[in-house]
Amino acid sequence: MSVSRNEKNGTWEVRTYYKNFDGKLKQTTKRGFKKKSEALKWEQDFKNQKKFNMNLKV
């Protein structure tokens, strides 16, 4: 989980890792946040969504 500032255009980006339903490690990146607080909120919401997502395909 990482929030960093893009020096070229001044926006914030989030890079985070999570495990999918197969247990494989995946990475996702979201860019273009104007404020660091927006990036941190998105990261927390994403983690909560993955943590509580219990939908498994059978």
Foldseek 3Di string as FASTA:
>chain_A
DDWDADPVVGWIKDWDWDAAPVRDIDIDMDIDHNDSVVRVVVVVVVVVCRVPPPDDDD
